[in-house]
Amino acid sequence: MAGEKMALAKEAARATAEVLSPDDFLEVIGFDTVAERTVPLQSAANRLAIQRDIGRLAPRGGTAIFPALDAAYQDLAGSRAATRHVILLTDGQTSEAGIPELVAAMRADGITVTSVGVGTDVNRTLLSEVADLGGGRAYFTADPSSIPRIFLREATTVGQNSVVEDPVRAEVETGARALPGMGLTSSPDL
């Protein structure tokens, strides 16, 4: 990924970091034939360091998705975050060996994966399978300028947790005002 695509990928990562809450965590892994943790997994509150490290992303040759996904898996598997999600961005072809099995293992460990394919040279079949197995979504675009919008949509979608985890205090009542005349002994089990 080079030129405009790389610049827009950096913009997308920066914009995503900005919309995350300080309680969220972020990691950016750049890859070619090897994976490099450009932004190590850290609190999104470290905005200045994250923005600086994203700037270090540089175009390189090759596309090996497996090592990057494996690095993300290793890092997220040890995280206690309530939501653990990976956004895979690629503009090239890769060997498919082991990727479906890896993504299935990630999903089994509660890590979801979304794929974003940019350009006409991506393996749509593989990226769709990654999203399906990973419990995420697959996005495809020929227009690199849509990368930031896709990342922001994905970050807000994943960030909308449908589970509310708040303590609840139960209190025993001897009578219910909504059911006058019905005693607890004659009410059905709940």
Protein backbone atom coordinates (compact mmCIF):
# COMPACT_ATOMS: atom_id res chain seq x y z
CA MET A 1 0.00 0.00 0.00
CA ALA A 2 1.57 3.26 -1.04
CA GLY A 3 0.80 6.84 -2.05
CA GLU A 4 -2.76 8.01 -1.55
CA LYS A 5 -3.87 4.65 -0.11
CA MET A 6 -1.19 4.80 2.60
CA ALA A 7 -1.99 8.42 3.44
CA LEU A 8 -5.69 7.60 3.74
CA ALA A 9 -4.98 4.47 5.80
CA LYS A 10 -3.02 6.66 8.24
CA GLU A 11 -5.86 9.18 8.28
CA ALA A 12 -8.33 6.37 9.02
CA ALA A 13 -6.22 5.06 11.89
CA ARG A 14 -5.82 8.55 13.34
CA ALA A 15 -9.55 9.31 13.06
CA THR A 16 -10.40 5.98 14.68
CA ALA A 17 -8.04 6.72 17.57
CA GLU A 18 -9.74 10.07 18.07
CA VAL A 19 -13.26 8.64 18.37
CA LEU A 20 -12.26 5.96 20.88
CA SER A 21 -12.87 6.65 24.55
CA PRO A 22 -9.87 6.89 26.88
CA ASP A 23 -10.98 3.55 28.35
CA ASP A 24 -10.59 1.84 24.96
CA PHE A 25 -7.39 0.28 23.67
CA LEU A 26 -5.84 0.49 20.20
CA GLU A 27 -3.09 -1.27 18.29
CA VAL A 28 -1.90 -0.74 14.71
CA ILE A 29 0.01 -3.51 12.99
CA GLY A 30 1.65 -2.70 9.68
CA PHE A 31 2.56 -5.62 7.46
CA ASP A 32 4.22 -6.72 4.27
CA THR A 33 5.86 -10.15 4.49
CA VAL A 34 6.24 -9.60 8.25
CA ALA A 35 4.07 -7.92 10.86
CA GLU A 36 5.27 -4.83 12.74
CA ARG A 37 3.47 -3.43 15.77
CA THR A 38 3.63 0.20 14.67
CA VAL A 39 1.38 1.25 17.56
CA PRO A 40 1.68 -1.29 20.39
CA LEU A 41 -1.57 -2.17 22.17
CA GLN A 42 -2.25 0.74 24.52
CA SER A 43 -4.89 2.99 26.00
CA ALA A 44 -6.55 5.33 23.51
CA ALA A 45 -5.89 8.04 26.10
CA ASN A 46 -2.28 8.12 24.79
CA ARG A 47 -3.47 10.14 21.80
CA LEU A 48 -0.24 12.03 21.11
CA ALA A 49 1.93 8.91 21.13
CA ILE A 50 -0.60 7.04 18.99
CA GLN A 51 -0.79 9.85 16.43
CA ARG A 52 3.03 10.03 16.29
CA ASP A 53 3.42 6.26 15.89
CA ILE A 54 0.78 6.09 13.14
CA GLY A 55 2.91 8.59 11.23
CA ARG A 56 5.69 5.95 11.14
CA LEU A 57 3.63 3.66 8.89
CA ALA A 58 5.50 3.43 5.61
CA PRO A 59 4.84 1.67 2.31
CA ARG A 60 6.51 -1.70 1.99
CA GLY A 61 6.31 -4.54 -0.48
CA GLY A 62 4.34 -7.74 -0.26
CA THR A 63 1.12 -8.77 1.45
CA ALA A 64 1.23 -11.46 4.12
CA ILE A 65 -1.97 -11.22 6.13
CA PHE A 66 -1.46 -14.29 8.34
CA PRO A 67 1.45 -12.87 10.41
CA ALA A 68 -0.46 -9.62 11.04
CA LEU A 69 -3.65 -11.40 12.11
CA ASP A 70 -1.62 -13.77 14.27
CA ALA A 71 0.11 -10.85 16.01
CA ALA A 72 -3.27 -9.20 16.64
CA TYR A 73 -4.61 -12.49 18.00
CA GLN A 74 -1.65 -12.93 20.36
CA ASP A 75 -2.06 -9.41 21.72
CA LEU A 76 -5.85 -9.42 22.04
CA ALA A 77 -6.06 -12.93 23.48
CA GLY A 78 -4.30 -11.62 26.58
CA SER A 79 -6.53 -8.56 26.84
CA ARG A 80 -9.43 -8.40 29.28
CA ALA A 81 -11.29 -5.84 27.18
CA ALA A 82 -15.04 -6.42 26.94
CA THR A 83 -14.94 -5.91 23.16
CA ARG A 84 -11.97 -7.16 21.15
CA HIS A 85 -12.15 -6.33 17.45
CA VAL A 86 -9.71 -6.35 14.52
CA ILE A 87 -10.06 -4.31 11.32
CA LEU A 88 -7.96 -5.88 8.56
CA LEU A 89 -7.10 -3.44 5.75
CA THR A 90 -5.44 -4.68 2.57
CA ASP A 91 -5.01 -3.74 -1.07
CA GLY A 92 -3.30 -6.92 -2.26
CA GLN A 93 -3.27 -10.67 -2.60
CA THR A 94 -1.98 -13.06 0.04
CA SER A 95 -1.51 -16.74 0.67
CA GLU A 96 -4.72 -18.11 2.16
CA ALA A 97 -2.94 -20.86 4.12
CA GLY A 98 -4.09 -20.94 7.74
CA ILE A 99 -6.09 -17.71 7.64
CA PRO A 100 -9.60 -19.24 7.92
CA GLU A 101 -8.49 -21.46 10.80
CA LEU A 102 -6.80 -18.55 12.58
CA VAL A 103 -9.86 -16.31 12.24
CA ALA A 104 -12.12 -19.13 13.48
CA ALA A 105 -9.86 -19.52 16.54
CA MET A 106 -9.98 -15.76 17.13
CA ARG A 107 -13.77 -15.80 16.99
CA ALA A 108 -13.91 -18.77 19.37
CA ASP A 109 -11.87 -16.65 21.82
CA GLY A 110 -14.29 -13.72 21.50
CA ILE A 111 -12.30 -11.64 19.02
CA THR A 112 -14.22 -10.36 16.01
CA VAL A 113 -12.65 -9.51 12.66
CA THR A 114 -13.80 -7.12 9.94
CA SER A 115 -12.06 -6.93 6.55
CA VAL A 116 -11.59 -3.91 4.29
CA GLY A 117 -10.40 -4.48 0.73
CA VAL A 118 -9.20 -1.47 -1.26
CA GLY A 119 -8.82 -1.60 -5.02
CA THR A 120 -9.49 -4.26 -7.60
CA ASP A 121 -6.57 -6.56 -6.73
CA VAL A 122 -7.95 -7.89 -3.44
CA ASN A 123 -9.14 -11.45 -2.89
CA ARG A 124 -12.82 -10.73 -2.26
CA THR A 125 -13.59 -14.36 -1.53
CA LEU A 126 -10.97 -14.60 1.21
CA LEU A 127 -11.86 -11.23 2.76
CA SER A 128 -15.57 -12.13 2.79
CA GLU A 129 -14.71 -15.44 4.46
CA VAL A 130 -12.57 -13.64 7.05
CA ALA A 131 -15.48 -11.34 7.91
CA ASP A 132 -17.98 -14.21 8.04
CA LEU A 133 -15.78 -16.44 10.20
CA GLY A 134 -14.73 -13.48 12.32
CA GLY A 135 -18.26 -12.28 13.04
CA GLY A 136 -17.49 -8.92 11.46
CA ARG A 137 -18.29 -7.16 8.22
CA ALA A 138 -16.60 -7.07 4.81
CA TYR A 139 -16.13 -3.75 3.01
CA PHE A 140 -14.84 -3.37 -0.54
CA THR A 141 -14.05 -0.11 -2.25
CA ALA A 142 -12.23 1.02 -5.35
CA ASP A 143 -12.07 4.55 -3.91
CA PRO A 144 -9.28 4.93 -1.33
CA SER A 145 -10.87 8.15 -0.05
CA SER A 146 -13.62 6.05 1.54
CA ILE A 147 -11.16 4.26 3.90
CA PRO A 148 -11.50 6.80 6.76
CA ARG A 149 -15.31 6.72 6.52
CA ILE A 150 -15.32 2.90 6.62
CA PHE A 151 -13.03 2.86 9.68
CA LEU A 152 -15.14 5.42 11.53
CA ARG A 153 -18.34 3.52 10.74
CA GLU A 154 -16.75 0.31 11.96
CA ALA A 155 -15.40 1.90 15.14
CA THR A 156 -18.79 3.36 16.03
CA THR A 157 -20.61 0.13 15.17
CA VAL A 158 -18.31 -1.97 17.34
CA GLY A 159 -18.30 0.68 20.06
CA GLN A 160 -22.07 0.47 20.46
CA ASN A 161 -22.16 -2.27 23.03
CA SER A 162 -25.64 -3.73 23.32
CA VAL A 163 -24.90 -5.14 26.76
CA VAL A 164 -25.30 -2.85 29.75
CA GLU A 165 -23.16 -3.97 32.65
CA ASP A 166 -24.37 -2.12 35.74
CA PRO A 167 -24.97 -3.42 39.22
CA VAL A 168 -28.61 -4.09 40.03
CA ARG A 169 -29.98 -4.24 43.54
CA ALA A 170 -32.89 -6.63 43.99
CA GLU A 171 -35.38 -5.93 46.74
CA VAL A 172 -37.97 -8.35 48.06
CA GLU A 173 -41.49 -6.91 48.23
CA THR A 174 -44.35 -8.64 49.98
CA GLY A 175 -46.95 -7.25 47.62
CA ALA A 176 -46.92 -5.78 44.18
CA ARG A 177 -48.87 -2.57 43.63
CA ALA A 178 -49.48 -3.59 40.02
CA LEU A 179 -51.20 -6.83 41.08
CA PRO A 180 -53.51 -5.94 43.98
CA GLY A 181 -54.98 -8.89 45.76
CA MET A 182 -52.48 -11.43 44.39
CA GLY A 183 -50.17 -12.85 47.05
CA LEU A 184 -46.64 -14.07 46.46
CA THR A 185 -47.67 -17.63 47.36
CA SER A 186 -50.23 -17.79 44.54
CA SER A 187 -48.11 -16.10 41.86
CA PRO A 188 -46.37 -18.15 39.16
CA ASP A 189 -42.61 -18.74 39.29
CA LEU A 190 -40.52 -16.31 37.30
